[in-house]
Amino acid sequence: MRDGTTGEPTMLPSYPATPGATTKEPFLAVLRELAQAYHAFSAYSAAHVRQLGLTPAQFDVIATLGNTQGMPLSQLAQQTLITKGTLTGIIDRLEEKGLVRREVPTGDRRSFLAVLTPAGETLFAQVFPAHIAYLKRVFAEGDEGELEQVRRTLRELRGRFQD
């Protein structure tokens, strides 16, 4: 591993490891389930989004911009978890389809807002409720208490990684 500024090798933090014990760590089963759950959700969601005529990233952008007055690309990237470079290409394609337009905000000509066009608003009004209904079929199997427990557990886990 190299330092990003000097190119010098960096030392990875040292953590004590017990040879042979690492494959038996109980948390590995949790990580496996978490990754498999994410992949299953992603595939399930993406299949429906593609039936709606969008890529998952395009849907994410339209869903995030829906019911807003638009937002700066940096905020959109943060909310969708799409990198700015990738997001620029997605905005370009949505703009070509007439679903998004770029607006230069008053007082800041260095950036722009991504805003849904009337056609984009119409599409959002059609696809967002349809996709929520599609996902709800899976989540309807659990009661509100179970869903809240899963949400709290996932939030706690995320917090452990962010500390």
C-alpha atoms as a PDB file:
ATOM      1  CA  MET A   1       0.000   0.000   0.000  1.00  0.00           C
ATOM      2  CA  ARG A   2       1.349   3.443  -0.897  1.00  0.00           C
ATOM      3  CA  ASP A   3       0.726   6.861   0.589  1.00  0.00           C
ATOM      4  CA  GLY A   4      -1.464   8.938  -1.751  1.00  0.00           C
ATOM      5  CA  THR A   5       0.689  12.054  -1.492  1.00  0.00           C
ATOM      6  CA  THR A   6       4.313  10.893  -1.408  1.00  0.00           C
ATOM      7  CA  GLY A   7       4.090   7.472  -3.003  1.00  0.00           C
ATOM      8  CA  GLU A   8       5.959   6.025  -0.032  1.00  0.00           C
ATOM      9  CA  PRO A   9       4.904   2.641   1.336  1.00  0.00           C
ATOM     10  CA  THR A  10       2.587   2.964   4.327  1.00  0.00           C
ATOM     11  CA  MET A  11       2.307   0.633   7.238  1.00  0.00           C
ATOM     12  CA  LEU A  12      -0.990  -1.063   7.769  1.00  0.00           C
ATOM     13  CA  PRO A  13      -2.172  -1.046  11.364  1.00  0.00           C
ATOM     14  CA  SER A  14      -1.093  -4.162  13.172  1.00  0.00           C
ATOM     15  CA  TYR A  15      -3.848  -6.353  14.576  1.00  0.00           C
ATOM     16  CA  PRO A  16      -3.054  -9.538  16.468  1.00  0.00           C
ATOM     17  CA  ALA A  17      -4.137 -12.569  14.477  1.00  0.00           C
ATOM     18  CA  THR A  18      -4.408 -16.142  15.546  1.00  0.00           C
ATOM     19  CA  PRO A  19      -3.393 -18.391  12.625  1.00  0.00           C
ATOM     20  CA  GLY A  20      -6.213 -20.671  11.521  1.00  0.00           C
ATOM     21  CA  ALA A  21      -8.786 -18.977  13.767  1.00  0.00           C
ATOM     22  CA  THR A  22      -9.674 -16.218  11.300  1.00  0.00           C
ATOM     23  CA  THR A  23     -11.909 -18.403   9.102  1.00  0.00           C
ATOM     24  CA  LYS A  24     -13.953 -19.393  12.157  1.00  0.00           C
ATOM     25  CA  GLU A  25     -14.718 -15.870  13.362  1.00  0.00           C
ATOM     26  CA  PRO A  26     -18.476 -15.668  14.138  1.00  0.00           C
ATOM     27  CA  PHE A  27     -18.856 -12.242  12.534  1.00  0.00           C
ATOM     28  CA  LEU A  28     -17.875 -13.665   9.128  1.00  0.00           C
ATOM     29  CA  ALA A  29     -21.241 -15.443   8.915  1.00  0.00           C
ATOM     30  CA  VAL A  30     -22.939 -12.091   9.628  1.00  0.00           C
ATOM     31  CA  LEU A  31     -20.903 -10.360   6.914  1.00  0.00           C
ATOM     32  CA  ARG A  32     -21.755 -13.120   4.464  1.00  0.00           C
ATOM     33  CA  GLU A  33     -25.493 -12.814   5.214  1.00  0.00           C
ATOM     34  CA  LEU A  34     -25.323  -9.022   4.996  1.00  0.00           C
ATOM     35  CA  ALA A  35     -23.558  -9.148   1.621  1.00  0.00           C
ATOM     36  CA  GLN A  36     -25.902 -11.821   0.288  1.00  0.00           C
ATOM     37  CA  ALA A  37     -28.961  -9.880   1.486  1.00  0.00           C
ATOM     38  CA  TYR A  38     -27.676  -6.743  -0.240  1.00  0.00           C
ATOM     39  CA  HIS A  39     -26.997  -8.616  -3.479  1.00  0.00           C
ATOM     40  CA  ALA A  40     -30.416 -10.291  -3.376  1.00  0.00           C
ATOM     41  CA  PHE A  41     -32.131  -6.936  -2.770  1.00  0.00           C
ATOM     42  CA  SER A  42     -30.083  -5.253  -5.474  1.00  0.00           C
ATOM     43  CA  ALA A  43     -30.921  -7.930  -8.069  1.00  0.00           C
ATOM     44  CA  TYR A  44     -34.619  -7.944  -7.090  1.00  0.00           C
ATOM     45  CA  SER A  45     -34.868  -4.153  -7.249  1.00  0.00           C
ATOM     46  CA  ALA A  46     -32.816  -3.801 -10.448  1.00  0.00           C
ATOM     47  CA  ALA A  47     -34.966  -6.315 -12.329  1.00  0.00           C
ATOM     48  CA  HIS A  48     -38.075  -4.228 -11.677  1.00  0.00           C
ATOM     49  CA  VAL A  49     -36.347  -0.912 -12.391  1.00  0.00           C
ATOM     50  CA  ARG A  50     -35.198  -2.269 -15.768  1.00  0.00           C
ATOM     51  CA  GLN A  51     -38.815  -3.256 -16.538  1.00  0.00           C
ATOM     52  CA  LEU A  52     -39.651   0.404 -15.936  1.00  0.00           C
ATOM     53  CA  GLY A  53     -37.155   1.359 -18.666  1.00  0.00           C
ATOM     54  CA  LEU A  54     -34.398   2.726 -16.433  1.00  0.00           C
ATOM     55  CA  THR A  55     -31.072   1.612 -15.076  1.00  0.00           C
ATOM     56  CA  PRO A  56     -30.831   1.368 -11.283  1.00  0.00           C
ATOM     57  CA  ALA A  57     -28.624   4.483 -11.195  1.00  0.00           C
ATOM     58  CA  GLN A  58     -31.054   6.459 -13.372  1.00  0.00           C
ATOM     59  CA  PHE A  59     -33.934   5.405 -11.131  1.00  0.00           C
ATOM     60  CA  ASP A  60     -31.943   6.432  -8.060  1.00  0.00           C
ATOM     61  CA  VAL A  61     -31.353   9.903  -9.503  1.00  0.00           C
ATOM     62  CA  ILE A  62     -34.993  10.369 -10.562  1.00  0.00           C
ATOM     63  CA  ALA A  63     -36.268   9.100  -7.200  1.00  0.00           C
ATOM     64  CA  THR A  64     -33.906  11.419  -5.319  1.00  0.00           C
ATOM     65  CA  LEU A  65     -34.802  14.474  -7.424  1.00  0.00           C
ATOM     66  CA  GLY A  66     -38.541  13.770  -7.274  1.00  0.00           C
ATOM     67  CA  ASN A  67     -40.554  16.208  -5.154  1.00  0.00           C
ATOM     68  CA  THR A  68     -37.595  18.608  -4.941  1.00  0.00           C
ATOM     69  CA  GLN A  69     -36.709  21.861  -6.674  1.00  0.00           C
ATOM     70  CA  GLY A  70     -33.501  20.154  -7.826  1.00  0.00           C
ATOM     71  CA  MET A  71     -30.190  19.883  -6.069  1.00  0.00           C
ATOM     72  CA  PRO A  72     -26.480  20.478  -6.610  1.00  0.00           C
ATOM     73  CA  LEU A  73     -24.577  17.572  -8.103  1.00  0.00           C
ATOM     74  CA  SER A  74     -22.492  17.216  -4.930  1.00  0.00           C
ATOM     75  CA  GLN A  75     -25.628  16.790  -2.791  1.00  0.00           C
ATOM     76  CA  LEU A  76     -27.153  14.417  -5.333  1.00  0.00           C
ATOM     77  CA  ALA A  77     -23.964  12.334  -5.315  1.00  0.00           C
ATOM     78  CA  GLN A  78     -24.057  12.195  -1.515  1.00  0.00           C
ATOM     79  CA  GLN A  79     -27.710  11.161  -1.346  1.00  0.00           C
ATOM     80  CA  THR A  80     -27.488   8.552  -4.106  1.00  0.00           C
ATOM     81  CA  LEU A  81     -24.014   7.258  -3.171  1.00  0.00           C
ATOM     82  CA  ILE A  82     -23.012   7.615  -6.830  1.00  0.00           C
ATOM     83  CA  THR A  83     -19.604   9.180  -7.461  1.00  0.00           C
ATOM     84  CA  LYS A  84     -19.600  12.619  -9.083  1.00  0.00           C
ATOM     85  CA  GLY A  85     -17.831  11.334 -12.201  1.00  0.00           C
ATOM     86  CA  THR A  86     -20.365   8.560 -12.746  1.00  0.00           C
ATOM     87  CA  LEU A  87     -23.216  10.881 -11.842  1.00  0.00           C
ATOM     88  CA  THR A  88     -22.218  13.334 -14.569  1.00  0.00           C
ATOM     89  CA  GLY A  89     -22.673  10.610 -17.202  1.00  0.00           C
ATOM     90  CA  ILE A  90     -26.023   9.577 -15.731  1.00  0.00           C
ATOM     91  CA  ILE A  91     -27.218  13.204 -15.766  1.00  0.00           C
ATOM     92  CA  ASP A  92     -26.019  13.490 -19.388  1.00  0.00           C
ATOM     93  CA  ARG A  93     -28.103  10.449 -20.413  1.00  0.00           C
ATOM     94  CA  LEU A  94     -31.169  11.602 -18.483  1.00  0.00           C
ATOM     95  CA  GLU A  95     -30.788  15.024 -20.082  1.00  0.00           C
ATOM     96  CA  GLU A  96     -30.660  13.390 -23.549  1.00  0.00           C
ATOM     97  CA  LYS A  97     -33.924  11.591 -22.681  1.00  0.00           C
ATOM     98  CA  GLY A  98     -35.481  14.921 -21.705  1.00  0.00           C
ATOM     99  CA  LEU A  99     -35.963  13.867 -18.073  1.00  0.00           C
ATOM    100  CA  VAL A 100     -33.437  16.144 -16.341  1.00  0.00           C
ATOM    101  CA  ARG A 101     -32.064  19.598 -17.052  1.00  0.00           C
ATOM    102  CA  ARG A 102     -29.133  21.507 -15.661  1.00  0.00           C
ATOM    103  CA  GLU A 103     -29.780  24.904 -14.094  1.00  0.00           C
ATOM    104  CA  VAL A 104     -27.154  27.389 -12.999  1.00  0.00           C
ATOM    105  CA  PRO A 105     -28.172  28.655  -9.554  1.00  0.00           C
ATOM    106  CA  THR A 106     -28.384  32.392  -9.006  1.00  0.00           C
ATOM    107  CA  GLY A 107     -25.233  33.659  -7.353  1.00  0.00           C
ATOM    108  CA  ASP A 108     -23.069  30.582  -8.020  1.00  0.00           C
ATOM    109  CA  ARG A 109     -22.082  30.167 -11.640  1.00  0.00           C
ATOM    110  CA  ARG A 110     -19.437  27.545 -10.748  1.00  0.00           C
ATOM    111  CA  SER A 111     -21.977  24.778 -10.186  1.00  0.00           C
ATOM    112  CA  PHE A 112     -25.367  23.689 -11.401  1.00  0.00           C
ATOM    113  CA  LEU A 113     -28.512  22.101 -10.111  1.00  0.00           C
ATOM    114  CA  ALA A 114     -29.917  18.894 -11.547  1.00  0.00           C
ATOM    115  CA  VAL A 115     -33.678  19.409 -11.918  1.00  0.00           C
ATOM    116  CA  LEU A 116     -36.378  17.079 -13.213  1.00  0.00           C
ATOM    117  CA  THR A 117     -38.122  18.346 -16.337  1.00  0.00           C
ATOM    118  CA  PRO A 118     -41.919  18.085 -16.586  1.00  0.00           C
ATOM    119  CA  ALA A 119     -41.385  14.742 -18.378  1.00  0.00           C
ATOM    120  CA  GLY A 120     -39.071  13.680 -15.541  1.00  0.00           C
ATOM    121  CA  GLU A 121     -41.687  14.683 -12.947  1.00  0.00           C
ATOM    122  CA  THR A 122     -44.313  12.656 -14.828  1.00  0.00           C
ATOM    123  CA  LEU A 123     -41.991   9.652 -14.979  1.00  0.00           C
ATOM    124  CA  PHE A 124     -41.192  10.010 -11.256  1.00  0.00           C
ATOM    125  CA  ALA A 125     -44.925  10.085 -10.441  1.00  0.00           C
ATOM    126  CA  GLN A 126     -45.336   6.802 -12.347  1.00  0.00           C
ATOM    127  CA  VAL A 127     -42.243   4.777 -11.475  1.00  0.00           C
ATOM    128  CA  PHE A 128     -41.620   5.715  -7.851  1.00  0.00           C
ATOM    129  CA  PRO A 129     -44.977   4.517  -6.459  1.00  0.00           C
ATOM    130  CA  ALA A 130     -44.807   1.433  -8.697  1.00  0.00           C
ATOM    131  CA  HIS A 131     -41.374   0.519  -7.362  1.00  0.00           C
ATOM    132  CA  ILE A 132     -42.356   1.157  -3.746  1.00  0.00           C
ATOM    133  CA  ALA A 133     -45.344  -1.171  -4.219  1.00  0.00           C
ATOM    134  CA  TYR A 134     -43.040  -3.780  -5.784  1.00  0.00           C
ATOM    135  CA  LEU A 135     -40.631  -3.623  -2.813  1.00  0.00           C
ATOM    136  CA  LYS A 136     -43.436  -3.504  -0.264  1.00  0.00           C
ATOM    137  CA  ARG A 137     -44.500  -7.028  -1.237  1.00  0.00           C
ATOM    138  CA  VAL A 138     -41.250  -8.358   0.217  1.00  0.00           C
ATOM    139  CA  PHE A 139     -41.191  -6.145   3.299  1.00  0.00           C
ATOM    140  CA  ALA A 140     -44.874  -6.758   4.051  1.00  0.00           C
ATOM    141  CA  GLU A 141     -43.919 -10.189   5.391  1.00  0.00           C
ATOM    142  CA  GLY A 142     -42.499  -8.575   8.524  1.00  0.00           C
ATOM    143  CA  ASP A 143     -44.451  -6.499  11.020  1.00  0.00           C
ATOM    144  CA  GLU A 144     -43.465  -2.929  11.897  1.00  0.00           C
ATOM    145  CA  GLY A 145     -41.662  -4.030  15.059  1.00  0.00           C
ATOM    146  CA  GLU A 146     -39.469  -6.480  13.151  1.00  0.00           C
ATOM    147  CA  LEU A 147     -38.654  -3.893  10.499  1.00  0.00           C
ATOM    148  CA  GLU A 148     -37.772  -1.341  13.155  1.00  0.00           C
ATOM    149  CA  GLN A 149     -35.473  -3.853  14.886  1.00  0.00           C
ATOM    150  CA  VAL A 150     -33.686  -4.614  11.611  1.00  0.00           C
ATOM    151  CA  ARG A 151     -33.328  -0.871  10.910  1.00  0.00           C
ATOM    152  CA  ARG A 152     -31.864  -0.221  14.376  1.00  0.00           C
ATOM    153  CA  THR A 153     -29.462  -3.158  14.092  1.00  0.00           C
ATOM    154  CA  LEU A 154     -28.237  -2.057  10.667  1.00  0.00           C
ATOM    155  CA  ARG A 155     -27.866   1.532  11.849  1.00  0.00           C
ATOM    156  CA  GLU A 156     -25.826   0.388  14.839  1.00  0.00           C
ATOM    157  CA  LEU A 157     -23.617  -1.758  12.616  1.00  0.00           C
ATOM    158  CA  ARG A 158     -23.063   1.141  10.210  1.00  0.00           C
ATOM    159  CA  GLY A 159     -22.111   3.332  13.169  1.00  0.00           C
ATOM    160  CA  ARG A 160     -19.456   0.862  14.269  1.00  0.00           C
ATOM    161  CA  PHE A 161     -17.775   1.149  10.881  1.00  0.00           C
ATOM    162  CA  GLN A 162     -17.988   4.945  10.892  1.00  0.00           C
ATOM    163  CA  ASP A 163     -16.409   5.461  14.326  1.00  0.00           C
END
